[in-house]
């Protein structure tokens, strides 16, 4: 039986558990875009690993302001997803 390259990659990702992590990361990314609203076009989701989301901001002042809202952001993201997936949101300046 001949399999497509996409099917082979999907099967390998599913076996390794990476597919679920990629799907969860995409879900967190989309929810964060919703939570941040109009600000999302100024932010960049850098990574999501072990419950910690790193978000890039245009400047350190912006990072500081958002860090004051961290608990509310975590609560809203987990509320929308329906489970406690995000434990922390960290912010840093990216150029």
C-alpha atoms as a PDB file:
ATOM      1  CA  UNK A   1       0.000   0.000   0.000  1.00  0.00           C
ATOM      2  CA  UNK A   2       1.366   3.384  -0.974  1.00  0.00           C
ATOM      3  CA  UNK A   3       1.054   6.212   1.566  1.00  0.00           C
ATOM      4  CA  UNK A   4       1.368   9.913   0.923  1.00  0.00           C
ATOM      5  CA  UNK A   5       4.211  11.838   2.519  1.00  0.00           C
ATOM      6  CA  UNK A   6       1.633  13.773   4.540  1.00  0.00           C
ATOM      7  CA  UNK A   7       0.130  10.556   5.918  1.00  0.00           C
ATOM      8  CA  UNK A   8       3.573   9.200   6.859  1.00  0.00           C
ATOM      9  CA  UNK A   9       4.445  12.455   8.672  1.00  0.00           C
ATOM     10  CA  UNK A  10       1.072  12.511  10.438  1.00  0.00           C
ATOM     11  CA  UNK A  11       1.495   8.904  11.598  1.00  0.00           C
ATOM     12  CA  UNK A  12       4.997   9.616  12.920  1.00  0.00           C
ATOM     13  CA  UNK A  13       3.819  12.742  14.740  1.00  0.00           C
ATOM     14  CA  UNK A  14       0.863  10.880  16.230  1.00  0.00           C
ATOM     15  CA  UNK A  15       3.061   8.020  17.464  1.00  0.00           C
ATOM     16  CA  UNK A  16       5.504  10.393  19.134  1.00  0.00           C
ATOM     17  CA  UNK A  17       2.782  12.468  20.823  1.00  0.00           C
ATOM     18  CA  UNK A  18       4.027  15.551  19.005  1.00  0.00           C
ATOM     19  CA  UNK A  19       0.774  15.947  17.069  1.00  0.00           C
ATOM     20  CA  UNK A  20      -1.200  16.591  20.267  1.00  0.00           C
ATOM     21  CA  UNK A  21       1.378  19.144  21.433  1.00  0.00           C
ATOM     22  CA  UNK A  22       1.305  20.911  18.065  1.00  0.00           C
ATOM     23  CA  UNK A  23      -2.492  20.998  18.105  1.00  0.00           C
ATOM     24  CA  UNK A  24      -2.499  22.331  21.668  1.00  0.00           C
ATOM     25  CA  UNK A  25       0.097  24.973  20.783  1.00  0.00           C
ATOM     26  CA  UNK A  26      -2.011  26.136  17.842  1.00  0.00           C
ATOM     27  CA  UNK A  27      -5.088  26.243  20.062  1.00  0.00           C
ATOM     28  CA  UNK A  28      -3.265  28.324  22.699  1.00  0.00           C
ATOM     29  CA  UNK A  29      -1.997  30.647  19.948  1.00  0.00           C
ATOM     30  CA  UNK A  30      -5.505  31.222  18.567  1.00  0.00           C
ATOM     31  CA  UNK A  31      -6.970  31.780  22.034  1.00  0.00           C
ATOM     32  CA  UNK A  32      -4.225  34.280  22.897  1.00  0.00           C
ATOM     33  CA  UNK A  33      -5.001  36.184  19.698  1.00  0.00           C
ATOM     34  CA  UNK A  34      -8.613  36.348  20.861  1.00  0.00           C
ATOM     35  CA  UNK A  35      -7.686  37.393  24.413  1.00  0.00           C
ATOM     36  CA  UNK A  36      -5.290  40.116  23.262  1.00  0.00           C
ATOM     37  CA  UNK A  37      -7.738  41.408  20.665  1.00  0.00           C
ATOM     38  CA  UNK A  38      -6.414  44.449  18.788  1.00  0.00           C
ATOM     39  CA  UNK A  39      -3.063  44.151  20.569  1.00  0.00           C
ATOM     40  CA  UNK A  40      -2.382  40.794  18.933  1.00  0.00           C
ATOM     41  CA  UNK A  41      -1.031  42.446  15.786  1.00  0.00           C
ATOM     42  CA  UNK A  42       1.776  43.973  17.915  1.00  0.00           C
ATOM     43  CA  UNK A  43       2.594  40.689  19.685  1.00  0.00           C
ATOM     44  CA  UNK A  44       4.273  37.512  18.556  1.00  0.00           C
ATOM     45  CA  UNK A  45       3.776  34.130  20.207  1.00  0.00           C
ATOM     46  CA  UNK A  46       7.346  32.877  20.510  1.00  0.00           C
ATOM     47  CA  UNK A  47       6.871  29.474  22.125  1.00  0.00           C
ATOM     48  CA  UNK A  48       4.651  27.270  24.249  1.00  0.00           C
ATOM     49  CA  UNK A  49       6.276  24.552  26.331  1.00  0.00           C
ATOM     50  CA  UNK A  50       5.473  22.940  29.680  1.00  0.00           C
ATOM     51  CA  UNK A  51       2.550  25.287  30.252  1.00  0.00           C
ATOM     52  CA  UNK A  52       4.594  28.457  29.706  1.00  0.00           C
ATOM     53  CA  UNK A  53       3.803  30.763  26.795  1.00  0.00           C
ATOM     54  CA  UNK A  54       6.483  33.249  25.715  1.00  0.00           C
ATOM     55  CA  UNK A  55       5.103  36.331  23.994  1.00  0.00           C
ATOM     56  CA  UNK A  56       7.267  38.832  22.123  1.00  0.00           C
ATOM     57  CA  UNK A  57       6.430  42.512  22.493  1.00  0.00           C
ATOM     58  CA  UNK A  58       7.651  45.625  20.663  1.00  0.00           C
ATOM     59  CA  UNK A  59       9.281  47.174  23.755  1.00  0.00           C
ATOM     60  CA  UNK A  60      10.063  46.495  27.431  1.00  0.00           C
ATOM     61  CA  UNK A  61       7.412  48.910  28.703  1.00  0.00           C
ATOM     62  CA  UNK A  62       4.766  46.929  26.839  1.00  0.00           C
ATOM     63  CA  UNK A  63       6.158  43.708  28.343  1.00  0.00           C
ATOM     64  CA  UNK A  64       5.959  45.182  31.833  1.00  0.00           C
ATOM     65  CA  UNK A  65       2.376  46.356  31.387  1.00  0.00           C
ATOM     66  CA  UNK A  66       1.267  42.958  30.089  1.00  0.00           C
ATOM     67  CA  UNK A  67       3.082  41.145  32.907  1.00  0.00           C
ATOM     68  CA  UNK A  68       0.758  42.917  35.369  1.00  0.00           C
ATOM     69  CA  UNK A  69      -2.129  41.217  33.560  1.00  0.00           C
ATOM     70  CA  UNK A  70      -0.540  37.740  33.513  1.00  0.00           C
ATOM     71  CA  UNK A  71      -2.940  36.028  35.933  1.00  0.00           C
ATOM     72  CA  UNK A  72      -5.984  37.385  34.118  1.00  0.00           C
ATOM     73  CA  UNK A  73      -4.561  36.279  30.753  1.00  0.00           C
ATOM     74  CA  UNK A  74      -3.858  32.763  32.102  1.00  0.00           C
ATOM     75  CA  UNK A  75      -7.353  32.545  33.601  1.00  0.00           C
ATOM     76  CA  UNK A  76      -9.053  33.662  30.378  1.00  0.00           C
ATOM     77  CA  UNK A  77      -7.020  31.345  28.133  1.00  0.00           C
ATOM     78  CA  UNK A  78      -7.690  28.313  30.340  1.00  0.00           C
ATOM     79  CA  UNK A  79     -11.359  29.252  30.639  1.00  0.00           C
ATOM     80  CA  UNK A  80     -11.763  29.371  26.847  1.00  0.00           C
ATOM     81  CA  UNK A  81      -9.838  26.117  26.295  1.00  0.00           C
ATOM     82  CA  UNK A  82     -11.740  24.404  29.106  1.00  0.00           C
ATOM     83  CA  UNK A  83      -8.768  23.029  31.024  1.00  0.00           C
ATOM     84  CA  UNK A  84      -5.686  24.326  32.831  1.00  0.00           C
ATOM     85  CA  UNK A  85      -3.205  24.203  29.968  1.00  0.00           C
ATOM     86  CA  UNK A  86      -1.378  27.499  30.454  1.00  0.00           C
ATOM     87  CA  UNK A  87       0.400  28.025  33.771  1.00  0.00           C
ATOM     88  CA  UNK A  88       2.420  31.170  32.982  1.00  0.00           C
ATOM     89  CA  UNK A  89       2.675  33.815  30.296  1.00  0.00           C
ATOM     90  CA  UNK A  90       6.075  35.457  29.985  1.00  0.00           C
ATOM     91  CA  UNK A  91       6.827  38.547  27.938  1.00  0.00           C
ATOM     92  CA  UNK A  92      10.012  39.796  26.340  1.00  0.00           C
ATOM     93  CA  UNK A  93      11.032  42.417  23.845  1.00  0.00           C
ATOM     94  CA  UNK A  94      11.688  41.256  20.319  1.00  0.00           C
ATOM     95  CA  UNK A  95      12.925  43.496  17.539  1.00  0.00           C
END
